[in-house]
């Protein structure tokens, strides 16, 4: 059984370590176990319990009240919350729990419930992008295994592809042409697939190139496909923090307007450029495409 330090728990549930210790001291909630050398740790059952406590606390239950609940009462209340698919905070926690357990059935059920209730666009905005940001940070710090990050990312990827197939492409008077790609070193396709979904929903044409497209190929495809826009999504910290250097390199190879989205665009300052439109969040993506 995996062991977690309090810093691991802090990252996984989004609650500060001193708060967790206060819960333990005041209410005897989830006291840690200790190794033979007296090092504190939490196991997987402790993590599940803490996730349930956070879910209840974020939905109005005071810690003093939670501390008086039995384990089963706590679980029953969380089950009631879980059925509220538009409760984004709870569903982010549920996706985290399913990821830690490699529970594909639970993960897929959460995706289906959220999308059915809120639609893909809102689900991406308030559930999936916040969840992926948290999982990415946990992966970078080694709190979760790379296999857990891949497990979640591939299930999300597969579901977006299903939603792309289901989406009806409206007939519009002047559909525009887009090339969707990730540059060398970028492998996370979720945001790019979501852009593909948005474009189809708006009636535009998209040439999807996927991940790690060589820069030299960008020039070739712009000359042959003649797109109105190029669309790139930048997410991976492996690309480095000099986001403007990456964008400048892309612009060296393309001579059409560039749309740039992804977490790196939202987190770092992007230099103004007359051929660049940074899209920092889902609302900006949707608004830009709907106004074309």
C-alpha atoms as a PDB file:
ATOM      1  CA  UNK A   1       0.000   0.000   0.000  1.00  0.00           C
ATOM      2  CA  UNK A   2       1.336   3.390  -0.960  1.00  0.00           C
ATOM      3  CA  UNK A   3       2.441   5.787   1.761  1.00  0.00           C
ATOM      4  CA  UNK A   4       1.907   9.548   1.570  1.00  0.00           C
ATOM      5  CA  UNK A   5       3.686  12.315   3.447  1.00  0.00           C
ATOM      6  CA  UNK A   6       1.667  15.281   4.692  1.00  0.00           C
ATOM      7  CA  UNK A   7       3.087  17.356   1.812  1.00  0.00           C
ATOM      8  CA  UNK A   8       1.778  14.717  -0.621  1.00  0.00           C
ATOM      9  CA  UNK A   9      -1.642  14.885   1.031  1.00  0.00           C
ATOM     10  CA  UNK A  10      -1.570  18.681   0.896  1.00  0.00           C
ATOM     11  CA  UNK A  11      -1.000  18.578  -2.865  1.00  0.00           C
ATOM     12  CA  UNK A  12      -3.543  15.831  -3.519  1.00  0.00           C
ATOM     13  CA  UNK A  13      -6.499  17.294  -1.636  1.00  0.00           C
ATOM     14  CA  UNK A  14      -5.691  21.004  -1.968  1.00  0.00           C
ATOM     15  CA  UNK A  15      -5.711  21.692   1.788  1.00  0.00           C
ATOM     16  CA  UNK A  16      -2.748  23.205   3.666  1.00  0.00           C
ATOM     17  CA  UNK A  17      -0.722  20.936   5.941  1.00  0.00           C
ATOM     18  CA  UNK A  18      -1.356  23.113   9.001  1.00  0.00           C
ATOM     19  CA  UNK A  19      -5.113  22.770   8.423  1.00  0.00           C
ATOM     20  CA  UNK A  20      -4.839  18.987   8.244  1.00  0.00           C
ATOM     21  CA  UNK A  21      -2.848  18.993  11.497  1.00  0.00           C
ATOM     22  CA  UNK A  22      -5.475  21.239  13.096  1.00  0.00           C
ATOM     23  CA  UNK A  23      -8.218  18.758  12.135  1.00  0.00           C
ATOM     24  CA  UNK A  24      -6.165  16.017  13.737  1.00  0.00           C
ATOM     25  CA  UNK A  25      -5.426  17.973  16.935  1.00  0.00           C
ATOM     26  CA  UNK A  26      -8.893  19.422  17.526  1.00  0.00           C
ATOM     27  CA  UNK A  27     -11.150  16.661  16.208  1.00  0.00           C
ATOM     28  CA  UNK A  28      -8.933  13.569  15.915  1.00  0.00           C
ATOM     29  CA  UNK A  29      -9.766  13.432  12.207  1.00  0.00           C
ATOM     30  CA  UNK A  30      -7.540  11.018  10.281  1.00  0.00           C
ATOM     31  CA  UNK A  31      -4.549  10.821  12.625  1.00  0.00           C
ATOM     32  CA  UNK A  32      -1.440   9.759  10.693  1.00  0.00           C
ATOM     33  CA  UNK A  33       0.317   6.458  11.142  1.00  0.00           C
ATOM     34  CA  UNK A  34       3.983   6.230  12.050  1.00  0.00           C
ATOM     35  CA  UNK A  35       6.888   4.181  10.792  1.00  0.00           C
ATOM     36  CA  UNK A  36       9.144   2.273  13.241  1.00  0.00           C
ATOM     37  CA  UNK A  37      11.404   5.342  13.138  1.00  0.00           C
ATOM     38  CA  UNK A  38       8.455   7.587  14.130  1.00  0.00           C
ATOM     39  CA  UNK A  39       7.974   9.237  10.711  1.00  0.00           C
ATOM     40  CA  UNK A  40       4.373  10.302  10.078  1.00  0.00           C
ATOM     41  CA  UNK A  41       2.590   8.986   6.987  1.00  0.00           C
ATOM     42  CA  UNK A  42      -0.870   8.411   5.549  1.00  0.00           C
ATOM     43  CA  UNK A  43      -2.077   5.385   3.600  1.00  0.00           C
ATOM     44  CA  UNK A  44      -4.625   5.079   0.792  1.00  0.00           C
ATOM     45  CA  UNK A  45      -7.576   4.651   3.181  1.00  0.00           C
ATOM     46  CA  UNK A  46      -6.545   7.845   4.973  1.00  0.00           C
ATOM     47  CA  UNK A  47      -6.406   9.657   1.636  1.00  0.00           C
ATOM     48  CA  UNK A  48      -9.915   8.480   0.706  1.00  0.00           C
ATOM     49  CA  UNK A  49     -11.223   9.684   4.058  1.00  0.00           C
ATOM     50  CA  UNK A  50      -9.568  13.085   3.680  1.00  0.00           C
ATOM     51  CA  UNK A  51     -10.982  13.468   0.164  1.00  0.00           C
ATOM     52  CA  UNK A  52     -14.453  12.806   1.586  1.00  0.00           C
ATOM     53  CA  UNK A  53     -13.897  15.335   4.371  1.00  0.00           C
ATOM     54  CA  UNK A  54     -12.799  17.997   1.885  1.00  0.00           C
ATOM     55  CA  UNK A  55     -15.806  17.296  -0.362  1.00  0.00           C
ATOM     56  CA  UNK A  56     -18.190  17.766   2.554  1.00  0.00           C
ATOM     57  CA  UNK A  57     -16.363  20.812   3.913  1.00  0.00           C
ATOM     58  CA  UNK A  58     -16.393  22.558   0.530  1.00  0.00           C
ATOM     59  CA  UNK A  59     -20.156  22.004   0.385  1.00  0.00           C
ATOM     60  CA  UNK A  60     -21.038  23.724   3.637  1.00  0.00           C
ATOM     61  CA  UNK A  61     -20.442  21.065   6.267  1.00  0.00           C
ATOM     62  CA  UNK A  62     -18.401  22.387   9.199  1.00  0.00           C
ATOM     63  CA  UNK A  63     -15.455  20.305  10.363  1.00  0.00           C
ATOM     64  CA  UNK A  64     -16.959  20.151  13.859  1.00  0.00           C
ATOM     65  CA  UNK A  65     -20.035  18.461  12.394  1.00  0.00           C
ATOM     66  CA  UNK A  66     -18.044  16.176  10.099  1.00  0.00           C
ATOM     67  CA  UNK A  67     -15.972  14.963  13.046  1.00  0.00           C
ATOM     68  CA  UNK A  68     -19.135  13.590  14.694  1.00  0.00           C
ATOM     69  CA  UNK A  69     -20.134  11.523  11.660  1.00  0.00           C
ATOM     70  CA  UNK A  70     -19.401   7.834  11.394  1.00  0.00           C
ATOM     71  CA  UNK A  71     -17.380   6.662   8.428  1.00  0.00           C
ATOM     72  CA  UNK A  72     -20.512   5.282   6.767  1.00  0.00           C
ATOM     73  CA  UNK A  73     -22.506   8.475   7.377  1.00  0.00           C
ATOM     74  CA  UNK A  74     -19.718  10.435   5.771  1.00  0.00           C
ATOM     75  CA  UNK A  75     -19.667   8.122   2.748  1.00  0.00           C
ATOM     76  CA  UNK A  76     -23.461   8.320   2.371  1.00  0.00           C
ATOM     77  CA  UNK A  77     -23.374  12.136   2.358  1.00  0.00           C
ATOM     78  CA  UNK A  78     -20.561  12.187  -0.229  1.00  0.00           C
ATOM     79  CA  UNK A  79     -22.546   9.790  -2.434  1.00  0.00           C
ATOM     80  CA  UNK A  80     -25.389  12.321  -2.419  1.00  0.00           C
ATOM     81  CA  UNK A  81     -22.973  15.068  -3.442  1.00  0.00           C
ATOM     82  CA  UNK A  82     -21.490  12.894  -6.171  1.00  0.00           C
ATOM     83  CA  UNK A  83     -24.811  12.803  -8.025  1.00  0.00           C
ATOM     84  CA  UNK A  84     -24.702  16.597  -8.405  1.00  0.00           C
ATOM     85  CA  UNK A  85     -22.765  16.624 -11.658  1.00  0.00           C
ATOM     86  CA  UNK A  86     -22.648  20.416 -11.883  1.00  0.00           C
ATOM     87  CA  UNK A  87     -20.837  20.622  -8.524  1.00  0.00           C
ATOM     88  CA  UNK A  88     -17.428  21.218 -10.072  1.00  0.00           C
ATOM     89  CA  UNK A  89     -15.396  21.152  -6.852  1.00  0.00           C
ATOM     90  CA  UNK A  90     -16.758  17.732  -5.906  1.00  0.00           C
ATOM     91  CA  UNK A  91     -16.258  16.306  -9.388  1.00  0.00           C
ATOM     92  CA  UNK A  92     -12.628  17.473  -9.521  1.00  0.00           C
ATOM     93  CA  UNK A  93     -12.064  15.615  -6.252  1.00  0.00           C
ATOM     94  CA  UNK A  94     -13.893  12.558  -7.594  1.00  0.00           C
ATOM     95  CA  UNK A  95     -11.760  12.502 -10.729  1.00  0.00           C
ATOM     96  CA  UNK A  96      -8.668  12.743  -8.545  1.00  0.00           C
ATOM     97  CA  UNK A  97      -9.862   9.808  -6.432  1.00  0.00           C
ATOM     98  CA  UNK A  98     -10.643   7.688  -9.514  1.00  0.00           C
ATOM     99  CA  UNK A  99      -7.218   8.492 -10.959  1.00  0.00           C
ATOM    100  CA  UNK A 100      -5.393   7.432  -7.805  1.00  0.00           C
ATOM    101  CA  UNK A 101      -7.313   4.138  -7.874  1.00  0.00           C
ATOM    102  CA  UNK A 102      -7.015   3.582 -11.665  1.00  0.00           C
ATOM    103  CA  UNK A 103     -10.812   3.268 -11.588  1.00  0.00           C
ATOM    104  CA  UNK A 104     -11.813   3.580 -15.233  1.00  0.00           C
ATOM    105  CA  UNK A 105     -15.495   2.869 -14.594  1.00  0.00           C
ATOM    106  CA  UNK A 106     -15.772   5.646 -12.011  1.00  0.00           C
ATOM    107  CA  UNK A 107     -13.744   8.091 -14.088  1.00  0.00           C
ATOM    108  CA  UNK A 108     -15.857   7.490 -17.200  1.00  0.00           C
ATOM    109  CA  UNK A 109     -19.078   7.763 -15.193  1.00  0.00           C
ATOM    110  CA  UNK A 110     -18.012  11.168 -13.852  1.00  0.00           C
ATOM    111  CA  UNK A 111     -17.167  12.397 -17.353  1.00  0.00           C
ATOM    112  CA  UNK A 112     -20.499  11.197 -18.700  1.00  0.00           C
ATOM    113  CA  UNK A 113     -22.499  12.736 -15.857  1.00  0.00           C
ATOM    114  CA  UNK A 114     -20.780  16.119 -16.118  1.00  0.00           C
ATOM    115  CA  UNK A 115     -21.035  16.309 -19.907  1.00  0.00           C
ATOM    116  CA  UNK A 116     -24.670  15.225 -19.933  1.00  0.00           C
ATOM    117  CA  UNK A 117     -25.550  17.854 -17.319  1.00  0.00           C
ATOM    118  CA  UNK A 118     -23.331  20.777 -18.319  1.00  0.00           C
ATOM    119  CA  UNK A 119     -22.215  20.022 -21.876  1.00  0.00           C
ATOM    120  CA  UNK A 120     -18.604  19.539 -22.961  1.00  0.00           C
ATOM    121  CA  UNK A 121     -17.669  23.237 -23.047  1.00  0.00           C
ATOM    122  CA  UNK A 122     -18.618  23.980 -19.438  1.00  0.00           C
ATOM    123  CA  UNK A 123     -17.262  20.626 -18.267  1.00  0.00           C
ATOM    124  CA  UNK A 124     -13.901  21.457 -19.821  1.00  0.00           C
ATOM    125  CA  UNK A 125     -13.937  24.929 -18.265  1.00  0.00           C
ATOM    126  CA  UNK A 126     -14.901  24.171 -14.658  1.00  0.00           C
ATOM    127  CA  UNK A 127     -13.967  20.504 -14.206  1.00  0.00           C
ATOM    128  CA  UNK A 128     -11.482  19.043 -16.658  1.00  0.00           C
ATOM    129  CA  UNK A 129      -9.004  21.890 -17.129  1.00  0.00           C
ATOM    130  CA  UNK A 130      -8.762  22.533 -13.344  1.00  0.00           C
ATOM    131  CA  UNK A 131      -8.408  18.782 -12.793  1.00  0.00           C
ATOM    132  CA  UNK A 132      -5.685  18.418 -15.424  1.00  0.00           C
ATOM    133  CA  UNK A 133      -3.791  21.380 -14.007  1.00  0.00           C
ATOM    134  CA  UNK A 134      -3.812  19.745 -10.570  1.00  0.00           C
ATOM    135  CA  UNK A 135      -2.787  16.345 -11.948  1.00  0.00           C
ATOM    136  CA  UNK A 136       0.002  17.931 -13.991  1.00  0.00           C
ATOM    137  CA  UNK A 137       1.410  19.628 -10.901  1.00  0.00           C
ATOM    138  CA  UNK A 138       1.229  16.398  -8.914  1.00  0.00           C
ATOM    139  CA  UNK A 139       3.023  14.542 -11.697  1.00  0.00           C
ATOM    140  CA  UNK A 140       5.735  17.174 -11.931  1.00  0.00           C
ATOM    141  CA  UNK A 141       6.392  16.959  -8.197  1.00  0.00           C
ATOM    142  CA  UNK A 142       6.334  13.162  -8.123  1.00  0.00           C
ATOM    143  CA  UNK A 143       3.277  12.986  -5.848  1.00  0.00           C
ATOM    144  CA  UNK A 144       1.493  10.717  -8.327  1.00  0.00           C
ATOM    145  CA  UNK A 145       2.954   8.214 -10.738  1.00  0.00           C
ATOM    146  CA  UNK A 146       3.329   9.084 -14.442  1.00  0.00           C
ATOM    147  CA  UNK A 147       1.066   6.130 -15.204  1.00  0.00           C
ATOM    148  CA  UNK A 148      -1.751   7.779 -13.246  1.00  0.00           C
ATOM    149  CA  UNK A 149      -1.386  10.991 -15.237  1.00  0.00           C
ATOM    150  CA  UNK A 150      -1.417   9.002 -18.488  1.00  0.00           C
ATOM    151  CA  UNK A 151      -4.445   7.001 -17.314  1.00  0.00           C
ATOM    152  CA  UNK A 152      -6.487  10.179 -16.775  1.00  0.00           C
ATOM    153  CA  UNK A 153      -5.244  12.011 -19.864  1.00  0.00           C
ATOM    154  CA  UNK A 154      -6.066   9.116 -22.201  1.00  0.00           C
ATOM    155  CA  UNK A 155      -9.587   8.674 -20.833  1.00  0.00           C
ATOM    156  CA  UNK A 156     -10.260  12.393 -21.286  1.00  0.00           C
ATOM    157  CA  UNK A 157      -8.735  12.294 -24.766  1.00  0.00           C
ATOM    158  CA  UNK A 158     -10.928   9.350 -25.783  1.00  0.00           C
ATOM    159  CA  UNK A 159     -14.062  11.054 -24.487  1.00  0.00           C
ATOM    160  CA  UNK A 160     -13.389  14.296 -26.347  1.00  0.00           C
ATOM    161  CA  UNK A 161     -12.928  12.303 -29.552  1.00  0.00           C
ATOM    162  CA  UNK A 162     -16.352  10.727 -28.958  1.00  0.00           C
ATOM    163  CA  UNK A 163     -17.850  14.198 -28.480  1.00  0.00           C
ATOM    164  CA  UNK A 164     -16.185  15.407 -31.699  1.00  0.00           C
ATOM    165  CA  UNK A 165     -17.809  12.528 -33.594  1.00  0.00           C
ATOM    166  CA  UNK A 166     -21.185  13.332 -32.051  1.00  0.00           C
ATOM    167  CA  UNK A 167     -21.033  17.057 -32.717  1.00  0.00           C
ATOM    168  CA  UNK A 168     -23.075  18.321 -35.649  1.00  0.00           C
ATOM    169  CA  UNK A 169     -21.259  20.675 -37.962  1.00  0.00           C
ATOM    170  CA  UNK A 170     -23.581  23.532 -38.933  1.00  0.00           C
ATOM    171  CA  UNK A 171     -23.615  24.872 -42.470  1.00  0.00           C
ATOM    172  CA  UNK A 172     -22.222  28.418 -42.453  1.00  0.00           C
ATOM    173  CA  UNK A 173     -21.742  30.843 -45.323  1.00  0.00           C
ATOM    174  CA  UNK A 174     -17.965  31.181 -45.161  1.00  0.00           C
ATOM    175  CA  UNK A 175     -16.261  28.435 -43.152  1.00  0.00           C
ATOM    176  CA  UNK A 176     -12.640  29.223 -42.309  1.00  0.00           C
ATOM    177  CA  UNK A 177      -9.710  26.826 -42.457  1.00  0.00           C
ATOM    178  CA  UNK A 178      -7.588  26.038 -39.403  1.00  0.00           C
ATOM    179  CA  UNK A 179      -4.475  23.952 -38.885  1.00  0.00           C
ATOM    180  CA  UNK A 180      -4.335  22.489 -35.380  1.00  0.00           C
ATOM    181  CA  UNK A 181      -0.944  21.332 -34.101  1.00  0.00           C
ATOM    182  CA  UNK A 182       1.398  20.918 -31.169  1.00  0.00           C
ATOM    183  CA  UNK A 183       5.054  21.888 -31.641  1.00  0.00           C
ATOM    184  CA  UNK A 184       8.113  19.740 -31.051  1.00  0.00           C
ATOM    185  CA  UNK A 185       8.289  18.730 -27.389  1.00  0.00           C
ATOM    186  CA  UNK A 186       4.543  19.118 -26.728  1.00  0.00           C
ATOM    187  CA  UNK A 187       2.554  15.881 -26.398  1.00  0.00           C
ATOM    188  CA  UNK A 188      -0.584  16.855 -24.451  1.00  0.00           C
ATOM    189  CA  UNK A 189      -3.432  16.802 -26.975  1.00  0.00           C
ATOM    190  CA  UNK A 190      -6.434  17.477 -24.723  1.00  0.00           C
ATOM    191  CA  UNK A 191      -6.627  21.218 -25.345  1.00  0.00           C
ATOM    192  CA  UNK A 192      -6.032  20.792 -29.057  1.00  0.00           C
ATOM    193  CA  UNK A 193      -8.777  18.174 -29.367  1.00  0.00           C
ATOM    194  CA  UNK A 194     -11.112  20.518 -27.516  1.00  0.00           C
ATOM    195  CA  UNK A 195     -10.273  23.249 -30.043  1.00  0.00           C
ATOM    196  CA  UNK A 196     -11.156  20.785 -32.791  1.00  0.00           C
ATOM    197  CA  UNK A 197     -14.526  20.192 -31.113  1.00  0.00           C
ATOM    198  CA  UNK A 198     -15.191  23.941 -30.902  1.00  0.00           C
ATOM    199  CA  UNK A 199     -14.290  24.494 -34.532  1.00  0.00           C
ATOM    200  CA  UNK A 200     -16.576  21.718 -35.742  1.00  0.00           C
ATOM    201  CA  UNK A 201     -19.402  23.047 -33.551  1.00  0.00           C
ATOM    202  CA  UNK A 202     -18.931  26.491 -35.139  1.00  0.00           C
ATOM    203  CA  UNK A 203     -18.947  25.082 -38.692  1.00  0.00           C
ATOM    204  CA  UNK A 204     -15.282  25.686 -39.551  1.00  0.00           C
ATOM    205  CA  UNK A 205     -12.807  23.297 -41.191  1.00  0.00           C
ATOM    206  CA  UNK A 206      -9.860  21.896 -39.240  1.00  0.00           C
ATOM    207  CA  UNK A 207      -6.770  20.031 -40.361  1.00  0.00           C
ATOM    208  CA  UNK A 208      -5.642  18.181 -37.238  1.00  0.00           C
ATOM    209  CA  UNK A 209      -1.918  17.388 -37.153  1.00  0.00           C
ATOM    210  CA  UNK A 210      -1.620  16.321 -33.516  1.00  0.00           C
ATOM    211  CA  UNK A 211       1.467  16.359 -31.332  1.00  0.00           C
ATOM    212  CA  UNK A 212       5.144  17.134 -31.879  1.00  0.00           C
ATOM    213  CA  UNK A 213       4.871  18.505 -35.404  1.00  0.00           C
ATOM    214  CA  UNK A 214       8.327  19.448 -36.773  1.00  0.00           C
ATOM    215  CA  UNK A 215       8.662  23.187 -37.267  1.00  0.00           C
ATOM    216  CA  UNK A 216       9.773  22.746 -40.881  1.00  0.00           C
ATOM    217  CA  UNK A 217       6.518  20.924 -41.658  1.00  0.00           C
ATOM    218  CA  UNK A 218       4.483  23.945 -40.572  1.00  0.00           C
ATOM    219  CA  UNK A 219       5.766  25.946 -43.522  1.00  0.00           C
ATOM    220  CA  UNK A 220       4.896  23.127 -45.914  1.00  0.00           C
ATOM    221  CA  UNK A 221       1.382  22.684 -44.649  1.00  0.00           C
ATOM    222  CA  UNK A 222       0.572  26.404 -44.732  1.00  0.00           C
ATOM    223  CA  UNK A 223       1.642  26.555 -48.373  1.00  0.00           C
ATOM    224  CA  UNK A 224      -0.364  23.498 -49.415  1.00  0.00           C
ATOM    225  CA  UNK A 225      -3.484  23.755 -47.203  1.00  0.00           C
ATOM    226  CA  UNK A 226      -3.644  27.586 -47.202  1.00  0.00           C
ATOM    227  CA  UNK A 227      -5.307  27.974 -43.782  1.00  0.00           C
ATOM    228  CA  UNK A 228      -6.843  31.172 -42.470  1.00  0.00           C
ATOM    229  CA  UNK A 229      -5.404  30.456 -39.003  1.00  0.00           C
ATOM    230  CA  UNK A 230      -2.915  28.205 -37.265  1.00  0.00           C
ATOM    231  CA  UNK A 231      -3.941  26.992 -33.802  1.00  0.00           C
ATOM    232  CA  UNK A 232      -1.395  25.825 -31.205  1.00  0.00           C
ATOM    233  CA  UNK A 233      -1.894  24.723 -27.600  1.00  0.00           C
ATOM    234  CA  UNK A 234       1.042  24.983 -25.184  1.00  0.00           C
ATOM    235  CA  UNK A 235       0.811  23.069 -21.922  1.00  0.00           C
ATOM    236  CA  UNK A 236       3.991  21.187 -21.064  1.00  0.00           C
ATOM    237  CA  UNK A 237       6.551  22.739 -18.723  1.00  0.00           C
ATOM    238  CA  UNK A 238       9.133  20.675 -20.609  1.00  0.00           C
ATOM    239  CA  UNK A 239       8.924  23.370 -23.275  1.00  0.00           C
ATOM    240  CA  UNK A 240      10.428  25.827 -20.802  1.00  0.00           C
ATOM    241  CA  UNK A 241       9.067  29.023 -19.318  1.00  0.00           C
ATOM    242  CA  UNK A 242      10.110  31.300 -22.187  1.00  0.00           C
ATOM    243  CA  UNK A 243       6.758  31.052 -23.898  1.00  0.00           C
ATOM    244  CA  UNK A 244       7.509  33.990 -26.200  1.00  0.00           C
ATOM    245  CA  UNK A 245      10.553  32.193 -27.599  1.00  0.00           C
ATOM    246  CA  UNK A 246       8.372  29.221 -28.577  1.00  0.00           C
ATOM    247  CA  UNK A 247       5.743  31.450 -30.179  1.00  0.00           C
ATOM    248  CA  UNK A 248       8.396  33.414 -32.055  1.00  0.00           C
ATOM    249  CA  UNK A 249       9.797  30.190 -33.468  1.00  0.00           C
ATOM    250  CA  UNK A 250       6.355  29.092 -34.662  1.00  0.00           C
ATOM    251  CA  UNK A 251       5.770  32.482 -36.297  1.00  0.00           C
ATOM    252  CA  UNK A 252       9.090  32.142 -38.128  1.00  0.00           C
ATOM    253  CA  UNK A 253       7.644  29.150 -39.963  1.00  0.00           C
ATOM    254  CA  UNK A 254       4.091  30.323 -40.639  1.00  0.00           C
ATOM    255  CA  UNK A 255       2.810  33.386 -42.460  1.00  0.00           C
ATOM    256  CA  UNK A 256      -0.830  33.314 -41.285  1.00  0.00           C
ATOM    257  CA  UNK A 257      -2.415  34.470 -37.994  1.00  0.00           C
ATOM    258  CA  UNK A 258      -1.672  32.242 -35.010  1.00  0.00           C
ATOM    259  CA  UNK A 259      -4.094  31.380 -32.206  1.00  0.00           C
ATOM    260  CA  UNK A 260      -2.381  30.166 -29.037  1.00  0.00           C
ATOM    261  CA  UNK A 261      -4.087  28.546 -26.054  1.00  0.00           C
ATOM    262  CA  UNK A 262      -3.140  26.295 -23.168  1.00  0.00           C
ATOM    263  CA  UNK A 263      -2.029  26.649 -19.569  1.00  0.00           C
ATOM    264  CA  UNK A 264       1.324  28.206 -20.492  1.00  0.00           C
ATOM    265  CA  UNK A 265      -0.512  30.987 -22.333  1.00  0.00           C
ATOM    266  CA  UNK A 266      -2.726  31.662 -19.323  1.00  0.00           C
ATOM    267  CA  UNK A 267       0.106  31.574 -16.770  1.00  0.00           C
ATOM    268  CA  UNK A 268       2.816  33.625 -18.479  1.00  0.00           C
ATOM    269  CA  UNK A 269       2.913  37.069 -20.063  1.00  0.00           C
ATOM    270  CA  UNK A 270       2.701  36.862 -23.828  1.00  0.00           C
ATOM    271  CA  UNK A 271       4.219  39.658 -25.905  1.00  0.00           C
ATOM    272  CA  UNK A 272       1.812  41.491 -28.180  1.00  0.00           C
ATOM    273  CA  UNK A 273       2.136  40.579 -31.834  1.00  0.00           C
ATOM    274  CA  UNK A 274      -0.095  41.574 -34.754  1.00  0.00           C
ATOM    275  CA  UNK A 275      -0.141  37.964 -35.993  1.00  0.00           C
ATOM    276  CA  UNK A 276      -0.813  36.407 -32.583  1.00  0.00           C
ATOM    277  CA  UNK A 277      -4.072  36.033 -30.650  1.00  0.00           C
ATOM    278  CA  UNK A 278      -3.544  34.541 -27.169  1.00  0.00           C
ATOM    279  CA  UNK A 279      -6.587  32.699 -25.825  1.00  0.00           C
ATOM    280  CA  UNK A 280      -6.118  32.427 -22.070  1.00  0.00           C
ATOM    281  CA  UNK A 281      -9.203  30.414 -21.135  1.00  0.00           C
ATOM    282  CA  UNK A 282     -12.214  28.544 -22.468  1.00  0.00           C
ATOM    283  CA  UNK A 283     -14.418  31.656 -22.574  1.00  0.00           C
ATOM    284  CA  UNK A 284     -11.903  33.501 -24.753  1.00  0.00           C
ATOM    285  CA  UNK A 285     -11.642  30.506 -27.088  1.00  0.00           C
ATOM    286  CA  UNK A 286     -15.398  30.232 -27.452  1.00  0.00           C
ATOM    287  CA  UNK A 287     -15.957  33.970 -27.852  1.00  0.00           C
ATOM    288  CA  UNK A 288     -13.240  34.346 -30.498  1.00  0.00           C
ATOM    289  CA  UNK A 289     -14.481  31.443 -32.610  1.00  0.00           C
ATOM    290  CA  UNK A 290     -18.149  32.429 -32.369  1.00  0.00           C
ATOM    291  CA  UNK A 291     -17.376  35.968 -33.499  1.00  0.00           C
ATOM    292  CA  UNK A 292     -15.472  34.957 -36.645  1.00  0.00           C
END
